[in-house]
N, C-alpha and C. Protein backbone atom coordinates (compact mmCIF):
# COMPACT_ATOMS: atom_id res chain seq x y z
N MET A 1 -8.75 -4.18 3.62
CA MET A 1 -8.53 -3.28 2.51
C MET A 1 -9.11 -1.92 2.87
N ILE A 2 -8.39 -0.91 2.50
CA ILE A 2 -8.88 0.46 2.65
C ILE A 2 -9.60 0.82 1.37
N LYS A 3 -10.85 1.28 1.49
CA LYS A 3 -11.66 1.66 0.33
C LYS A 3 -12.09 3.10 0.49
N LYS A 4 -12.01 3.84 -0.62
CA LYS A 4 -12.43 5.24 -0.63
C LYS A 4 -13.32 5.49 -1.83
N LEU A 5 -14.42 6.16 -1.59
CA LEU A 5 -15.32 6.56 -2.67
C LEU A 5 -14.67 7.72 -3.42
N SER A 6 -14.68 7.64 -4.74
CA SER A 6 -14.08 8.69 -5.56
C SER A 6 -15.15 9.57 -6.18
N GLN A 7 -14.84 10.82 -6.31
CA GLN A 7 -15.72 11.78 -7.00
C GLN A 7 -15.58 11.68 -8.52
N TYR A 8 -14.61 10.91 -8.97
CA TYR A 8 -14.27 10.85 -10.39
C TYR A 8 -14.50 9.44 -10.95
N ASP A 9 -14.45 9.33 -12.27
CA ASP A 9 -14.54 8.00 -12.87
C ASP A 9 -13.22 7.26 -12.66
N VAL A 10 -13.18 6.01 -13.05
CA VAL A 10 -12.01 5.16 -12.81
C VAL A 10 -10.75 5.75 -13.43
N SER A 11 -10.81 6.09 -14.71
CA SER A 11 -9.61 6.60 -15.39
C SER A 11 -9.12 7.90 -14.78
N THR A 12 -10.04 8.81 -14.51
CA THR A 12 -9.65 10.10 -13.94
C THR A 12 -9.06 9.92 -12.54
N THR A 13 -9.64 9.04 -11.75
CA THR A 13 -9.13 8.78 -10.41
C THR A 13 -7.67 8.33 -10.47
N LEU A 14 -7.39 7.37 -11.34
CA LEU A 14 -6.00 6.89 -11.44
C LEU A 14 -5.10 7.90 -12.13
N ASP A 15 -5.65 8.69 -13.04
CA ASP A 15 -4.84 9.76 -13.64
C ASP A 15 -4.39 10.74 -12.57
N ARG A 16 -5.31 11.08 -11.66
CA ARG A 16 -4.99 12.02 -10.57
C ARG A 16 -3.93 11.42 -9.64
N LEU A 17 -4.08 10.14 -9.35
CA LEU A 17 -3.10 9.48 -8.50
C LEU A 17 -1.74 9.43 -9.19
N GLU A 18 -1.74 9.05 -10.45
CA GLU A 18 -0.49 8.96 -11.20
C GLU A 18 0.22 10.31 -11.27
N SER A 19 -0.52 11.37 -11.49
CA SER A 19 0.06 12.71 -11.54
C SER A 19 0.69 13.08 -10.19
N ALA A 20 -0.01 12.80 -9.11
CA ALA A 20 0.52 13.11 -7.77
C ALA A 20 1.77 12.29 -7.47
N LEU A 21 1.78 11.04 -7.89
CA LEU A 21 2.96 10.20 -7.68
C LEU A 21 4.17 10.75 -8.43
N LYS A 22 3.96 11.14 -9.68
CA LYS A 22 5.05 11.69 -10.48
C LYS A 22 5.59 12.98 -9.87
N GLU A 23 4.69 13.82 -9.36
CA GLU A 23 5.12 15.06 -8.70
C GLU A 23 6.01 14.77 -7.49
N LYS A 24 5.75 13.66 -6.81
CA LYS A 24 6.53 13.28 -5.61
C LYS A 24 7.77 12.47 -5.97
N GLY A 25 7.98 12.20 -7.25
CA GLY A 25 9.14 11.43 -7.67
C GLY A 25 9.01 9.94 -7.39
N ILE A 26 7.77 9.47 -7.24
CA ILE A 26 7.52 8.05 -6.99
C ILE A 26 7.32 7.36 -8.33
N ALA A 27 8.06 6.28 -8.53
CA ALA A 27 8.08 5.59 -9.82
C ALA A 27 6.77 4.85 -10.09
N ILE A 28 6.27 5.01 -11.31
CA ILE A 28 5.13 4.25 -11.80
C ILE A 28 5.70 2.97 -12.41
N VAL A 29 5.24 1.84 -11.95
CA VAL A 29 5.74 0.56 -12.46
C VAL A 29 4.86 0.06 -13.60
N ALA A 30 3.55 0.11 -13.41
CA ALA A 30 2.63 -0.36 -14.45
C ALA A 30 1.22 0.11 -14.15
N ARG A 31 0.43 0.17 -15.21
CA ARG A 31 -1.00 0.45 -15.08
C ARG A 31 -1.71 -0.56 -15.97
N VAL A 32 -2.65 -1.27 -15.39
CA VAL A 32 -3.35 -2.33 -16.10
C VAL A 32 -4.84 -2.01 -16.13
N ASP A 33 -5.42 -2.08 -17.32
CA ASP A 33 -6.85 -1.88 -17.50
C ASP A 33 -7.49 -3.27 -17.63
N HIS A 34 -8.05 -3.77 -16.54
CA HIS A 34 -8.63 -5.11 -16.53
C HIS A 34 -9.83 -5.21 -17.47
N ALA A 35 -10.63 -4.16 -17.57
CA ALA A 35 -11.79 -4.19 -18.46
C ALA A 35 -11.37 -4.30 -19.92
N ALA A 36 -10.31 -3.58 -20.27
CA ALA A 36 -9.80 -3.65 -21.65
C ALA A 36 -9.26 -5.04 -21.95
N SER A 37 -8.60 -5.65 -20.96
CA SER A 37 -8.08 -7.02 -21.15
C SER A 37 -9.23 -8.01 -21.31
N ALA A 38 -10.27 -7.85 -20.52
CA ALA A 38 -11.43 -8.74 -20.62
C ALA A 38 -12.08 -8.62 -21.99
N LYS A 39 -12.15 -7.40 -22.49
CA LYS A 39 -12.76 -7.16 -23.80
C LYS A 39 -12.03 -7.91 -24.90
N LYS A 40 -10.71 -8.07 -24.75
CA LYS A 40 -9.91 -8.78 -25.77
C LYS A 40 -10.30 -10.24 -25.89
N VAL A 41 -10.93 -10.78 -24.84
CA VAL A 41 -11.37 -12.17 -24.90
C VAL A 41 -12.91 -12.24 -24.88
N ASP A 42 -13.52 -11.18 -25.40
CA ASP A 42 -14.98 -11.09 -25.54
C ASP A 42 -15.73 -11.27 -24.23
N MET A 43 -15.19 -10.67 -23.17
CA MET A 43 -15.86 -10.69 -21.88
C MET A 43 -16.08 -9.26 -21.42
N GLU A 44 -17.14 -9.05 -20.66
CA GLU A 44 -17.44 -7.72 -20.15
C GLU A 44 -17.03 -7.61 -18.69
N LEU A 45 -16.50 -6.46 -18.36
CA LEU A 45 -16.12 -6.14 -16.99
C LEU A 45 -16.33 -4.65 -16.81
N ARG A 46 -16.96 -4.28 -15.71
CA ARG A 46 -17.09 -2.84 -15.43
C ARG A 46 -15.70 -2.22 -15.39
N PRO A 47 -15.59 -0.91 -15.60
CA PRO A 47 -14.27 -0.27 -15.56
C PRO A 47 -13.51 -0.64 -14.28
N THR A 48 -12.32 -1.17 -14.49
CA THR A 48 -11.45 -1.62 -13.40
C THR A 48 -10.01 -1.46 -13.84
N GLN A 49 -9.24 -0.67 -13.09
CA GLN A 49 -7.83 -0.46 -13.42
C GLN A 49 -7.00 -0.55 -12.14
N ILE A 50 -5.76 -0.99 -12.29
CA ILE A 50 -4.85 -1.07 -11.16
C ILE A 50 -3.55 -0.34 -11.52
N LEU A 51 -3.01 0.36 -10.55
CA LEU A 51 -1.77 1.11 -10.72
C LEU A 51 -0.74 0.58 -9.74
N PHE A 52 0.43 0.21 -10.24
CA PHE A 52 1.54 -0.26 -9.42
C PHE A 52 2.58 0.85 -9.35
N PHE A 53 3.09 1.14 -8.16
CA PHE A 53 4.07 2.21 -8.01
C PHE A 53 4.91 1.96 -6.77
N GLY A 54 6.09 2.58 -6.74
CA GLY A 54 6.92 2.36 -5.57
C GLY A 54 8.03 3.37 -5.40
N ASN A 55 8.52 3.38 -4.19
CA ASN A 55 9.64 4.22 -3.79
C ASN A 55 10.52 3.37 -2.89
N PRO A 56 11.74 3.01 -3.33
CA PRO A 56 12.59 2.15 -2.54
C PRO A 56 12.89 2.68 -1.13
N GLU A 57 12.87 3.99 -0.96
CA GLU A 57 13.13 4.55 0.37
C GLU A 57 12.05 4.12 1.36
N LEU A 58 10.84 3.91 0.87
CA LEU A 58 9.75 3.47 1.74
C LEU A 58 9.57 1.96 1.74
N GLY A 59 9.78 1.32 0.61
CA GLY A 59 9.55 -0.12 0.50
C GLY A 59 10.69 -0.99 0.96
N ALA A 60 11.92 -0.57 0.72
CA ALA A 60 13.07 -1.40 1.08
C ALA A 60 13.14 -1.72 2.58
N PRO A 61 12.82 -0.78 3.47
CA PRO A 61 12.84 -1.13 4.89
C PRO A 61 11.86 -2.25 5.24
N LEU A 62 10.74 -2.31 4.54
CA LEU A 62 9.80 -3.41 4.78
C LEU A 62 10.41 -4.73 4.34
N MET A 63 11.07 -4.71 3.19
CA MET A 63 11.69 -5.93 2.70
C MET A 63 12.91 -6.32 3.53
N GLN A 64 13.59 -5.34 4.13
CA GLN A 64 14.68 -5.66 5.04
C GLN A 64 14.15 -6.39 6.27
N SER A 65 12.96 -6.01 6.68
CA SER A 65 12.34 -6.65 7.83
C SER A 65 11.87 -8.06 7.47
N ASN A 66 11.26 -8.19 6.29
CA ASN A 66 10.77 -9.50 5.85
C ASN A 66 10.67 -9.47 4.33
N GLN A 67 11.52 -10.25 3.68
CA GLN A 67 11.55 -10.21 2.21
C GLN A 67 10.23 -10.63 1.58
N MET A 68 9.40 -11.33 2.31
CA MET A 68 8.09 -11.71 1.78
C MET A 68 7.22 -10.48 1.50
N ALA A 69 7.60 -9.32 2.03
CA ALA A 69 6.87 -8.09 1.71
C ALA A 69 6.92 -7.81 0.22
N GLY A 70 7.89 -8.40 -0.47
CA GLY A 70 8.00 -8.24 -1.91
C GLY A 70 6.77 -8.75 -2.66
N LEU A 71 5.98 -9.58 -2.03
CA LEU A 71 4.72 -10.02 -2.66
C LEU A 71 3.70 -8.89 -2.71
N ASP A 72 3.82 -7.93 -1.80
CA ASP A 72 2.88 -6.81 -1.74
C ASP A 72 3.49 -5.52 -2.26
N LEU A 73 4.75 -5.55 -2.61
CA LEU A 73 5.45 -4.37 -3.13
C LEU A 73 5.85 -4.63 -4.56
N PRO A 74 5.84 -3.65 -5.43
CA PRO A 74 5.48 -2.28 -5.14
C PRO A 74 4.01 -2.19 -4.74
N MET A 75 3.66 -1.06 -4.15
CA MET A 75 2.28 -0.83 -3.74
C MET A 75 1.39 -0.84 -4.98
N LYS A 76 0.14 -1.15 -4.75
CA LYS A 76 -0.82 -1.15 -5.85
C LYS A 76 -2.15 -0.61 -5.35
N VAL A 77 -2.83 0.10 -6.23
CA VAL A 77 -4.13 0.69 -5.92
C VAL A 77 -5.08 0.31 -7.04
N LEU A 78 -6.23 -0.21 -6.65
CA LEU A 78 -7.25 -0.63 -7.61
C LEU A 78 -8.38 0.40 -7.63
N ALA A 79 -8.79 0.79 -8.83
CA ALA A 79 -9.95 1.66 -9.00
C ALA A 79 -10.98 0.88 -9.80
N TRP A 80 -12.25 0.93 -9.35
CA TRP A 80 -13.29 0.18 -10.03
C TRP A 80 -14.64 0.89 -9.92
N LYS A 81 -15.49 0.58 -10.89
CA LYS A 81 -16.86 1.08 -10.89
C LYS A 81 -17.74 -0.06 -10.39
N ASP A 82 -18.49 0.21 -9.33
CA ASP A 82 -19.32 -0.85 -8.76
C ASP A 82 -20.65 -1.00 -9.51
N GLU A 83 -21.45 -1.94 -9.07
CA GLU A 83 -22.72 -2.23 -9.74
C GLU A 83 -23.72 -1.08 -9.65
N ASN A 84 -23.47 -0.11 -8.76
CA ASN A 84 -24.34 1.06 -8.62
C ASN A 84 -23.80 2.28 -9.35
N GLY A 85 -22.69 2.10 -10.08
CA GLY A 85 -22.12 3.20 -10.85
C GLY A 85 -21.17 4.09 -10.07
N LYS A 86 -20.85 3.71 -8.85
CA LYS A 86 -19.92 4.49 -8.03
C LYS A 86 -18.49 4.01 -8.27
N THR A 87 -17.56 4.95 -8.21
CA THR A 87 -16.15 4.61 -8.38
C THR A 87 -15.48 4.53 -7.02
N TRP A 88 -14.70 3.49 -6.84
CA TRP A 88 -13.99 3.24 -5.60
C TRP A 88 -12.49 3.09 -5.86
N LEU A 89 -11.72 3.40 -4.84
CA LEU A 89 -10.27 3.21 -4.86
C LEU A 89 -9.95 2.35 -3.65
N GLY A 90 -9.18 1.29 -3.84
CA GLY A 90 -8.86 0.41 -2.73
C GLY A 90 -7.42 -0.04 -2.74
N TYR A 91 -6.91 -0.31 -1.55
CA TYR A 91 -5.54 -0.83 -1.42
C TYR A 91 -5.38 -1.50 -0.07
N HIS A 92 -4.38 -2.37 0.02
CA HIS A 92 -4.05 -3.00 1.30
C HIS A 92 -3.25 -2.01 2.13
N SER A 93 -3.63 -1.87 3.37
CA SER A 93 -2.92 -0.92 4.23
C SER A 93 -1.51 -1.44 4.53
N PRO A 94 -0.54 -0.54 4.59
CA PRO A 94 0.81 -0.97 4.96
C PRO A 94 0.84 -1.68 6.32
N GLN A 95 -0.03 -1.25 7.24
CA GLN A 95 -0.06 -1.90 8.55
C GLN A 95 -0.54 -3.35 8.42
N GLN A 96 -1.51 -3.57 7.56
CA GLN A 96 -2.00 -4.94 7.34
C GLN A 96 -0.89 -5.81 6.75
N ILE A 97 -0.14 -5.25 5.82
CA ILE A 97 0.98 -6.00 5.22
C ILE A 97 1.98 -6.37 6.31
N ALA A 98 2.33 -5.41 7.15
CA ALA A 98 3.29 -5.67 8.23
C ALA A 98 2.74 -6.68 9.23
N ASP A 99 1.48 -6.55 9.58
CA ASP A 99 0.88 -7.48 10.54
C ASP A 99 0.84 -8.89 9.98
N ASN A 100 0.47 -9.04 8.71
CA ASN A 100 0.41 -10.37 8.09
C ASN A 100 1.77 -11.05 8.07
N LEU A 101 2.82 -10.25 8.02
CA LEU A 101 4.19 -10.82 7.96
C LEU A 101 4.90 -10.76 9.31
N HIS A 102 4.16 -10.41 10.34
CA HIS A 102 4.70 -10.37 11.71
C HIS A 102 5.93 -9.49 11.82
N MET A 103 5.90 -8.35 11.14
CA MET A 103 7.02 -7.40 11.21
C MET A 103 6.92 -6.62 12.51
N THR A 104 7.97 -6.67 13.28
CA THR A 104 7.98 -5.93 14.53
C THR A 104 9.03 -4.83 14.55
N ASP A 105 9.84 -4.78 13.51
CA ASP A 105 10.95 -3.83 13.49
C ASP A 105 10.86 -2.81 12.36
N ALA A 106 9.66 -2.64 11.81
CA ALA A 106 9.52 -1.73 10.66
C ALA A 106 8.42 -0.69 10.89
N ALA A 107 8.11 -0.41 12.14
CA ALA A 107 6.99 0.48 12.46
C ALA A 107 7.15 1.87 11.83
N GLU A 108 8.35 2.41 11.87
CA GLU A 108 8.56 3.75 11.32
C GLU A 108 8.28 3.77 9.82
N ALA A 109 8.81 2.80 9.09
CA ALA A 109 8.60 2.73 7.65
C ALA A 109 7.13 2.48 7.33
N VAL A 110 6.48 1.62 8.10
CA VAL A 110 5.06 1.33 7.89
C VAL A 110 4.23 2.60 8.09
N ASN A 111 4.51 3.33 9.14
CA ASN A 111 3.76 4.56 9.42
C ASN A 111 3.99 5.62 8.34
N MET A 112 5.23 5.73 7.88
CA MET A 112 5.52 6.70 6.81
C MET A 112 4.76 6.32 5.54
N LEU A 113 4.81 5.05 5.19
CA LEU A 113 4.14 4.59 3.98
C LEU A 113 2.63 4.76 4.10
N ALA A 114 2.08 4.48 5.26
CA ALA A 114 0.64 4.65 5.48
C ALA A 114 0.24 6.11 5.30
N GLY A 115 1.05 7.02 5.81
CA GLY A 115 0.76 8.45 5.66
C GLY A 115 0.80 8.90 4.22
N VAL A 116 1.79 8.42 3.49
CA VAL A 116 1.91 8.76 2.07
C VAL A 116 0.71 8.23 1.29
N MET A 117 0.34 6.98 1.56
CA MET A 117 -0.80 6.38 0.86
C MET A 117 -2.08 7.14 1.16
N GLU A 118 -2.28 7.52 2.39
CA GLU A 118 -3.48 8.28 2.78
C GLU A 118 -3.57 9.59 2.01
N LYS A 119 -2.48 10.34 1.99
CA LYS A 119 -2.48 11.64 1.31
C LYS A 119 -2.68 11.50 -0.19
N LEU A 120 -1.97 10.56 -0.80
CA LEU A 120 -2.07 10.39 -2.24
C LEU A 120 -3.45 9.93 -2.68
N THR A 121 -4.01 8.96 -1.97
CA THR A 121 -5.32 8.45 -2.37
C THR A 121 -6.43 9.46 -2.05
N GLU A 122 -6.25 10.25 -1.01
CA GLU A 122 -7.23 11.30 -0.72
C GLU A 122 -7.25 12.32 -1.86
N HIS A 123 -6.06 12.69 -2.33
CA HIS A 123 -5.96 13.62 -3.47
C HIS A 123 -6.64 13.03 -4.71
N ALA A 124 -6.42 11.75 -4.95
CA ALA A 124 -6.95 11.11 -6.16
C ALA A 124 -8.48 11.04 -6.17
N THR A 125 -9.07 10.96 -4.99
CA THR A 125 -10.51 10.71 -4.91
C THR A 125 -11.36 11.94 -4.64
N THR A 126 -10.74 13.06 -4.19
CA THR A 126 -11.55 14.23 -3.83
C THR A 126 -11.18 15.45 -4.65
């Protein structure tokens, strides 16, 4: 997993990511607030949210290589507050997804997706 320390709180970090995704025309699929869900069943959880998003131009080539990539697509990024009060952003690297599925014919798409993820998450956290 790629983890990045964020300068912002959980909500702001994902707000920044969501805004950058929308500017790039990348579809937001869902945003889930795990802490809010836990609260509904009288449980406590530090702030934790996940954002699902995708772009078929980047994801479809991975699924053409191996449809099992659909388990990891659309991409998702988790933001959480750790026990020390720091906010983190984490996601599975596209290369890790490709390696786990033994994809040998999707290097270009994997590299493009990795570059996009790096830029977007860097924007969200700094």
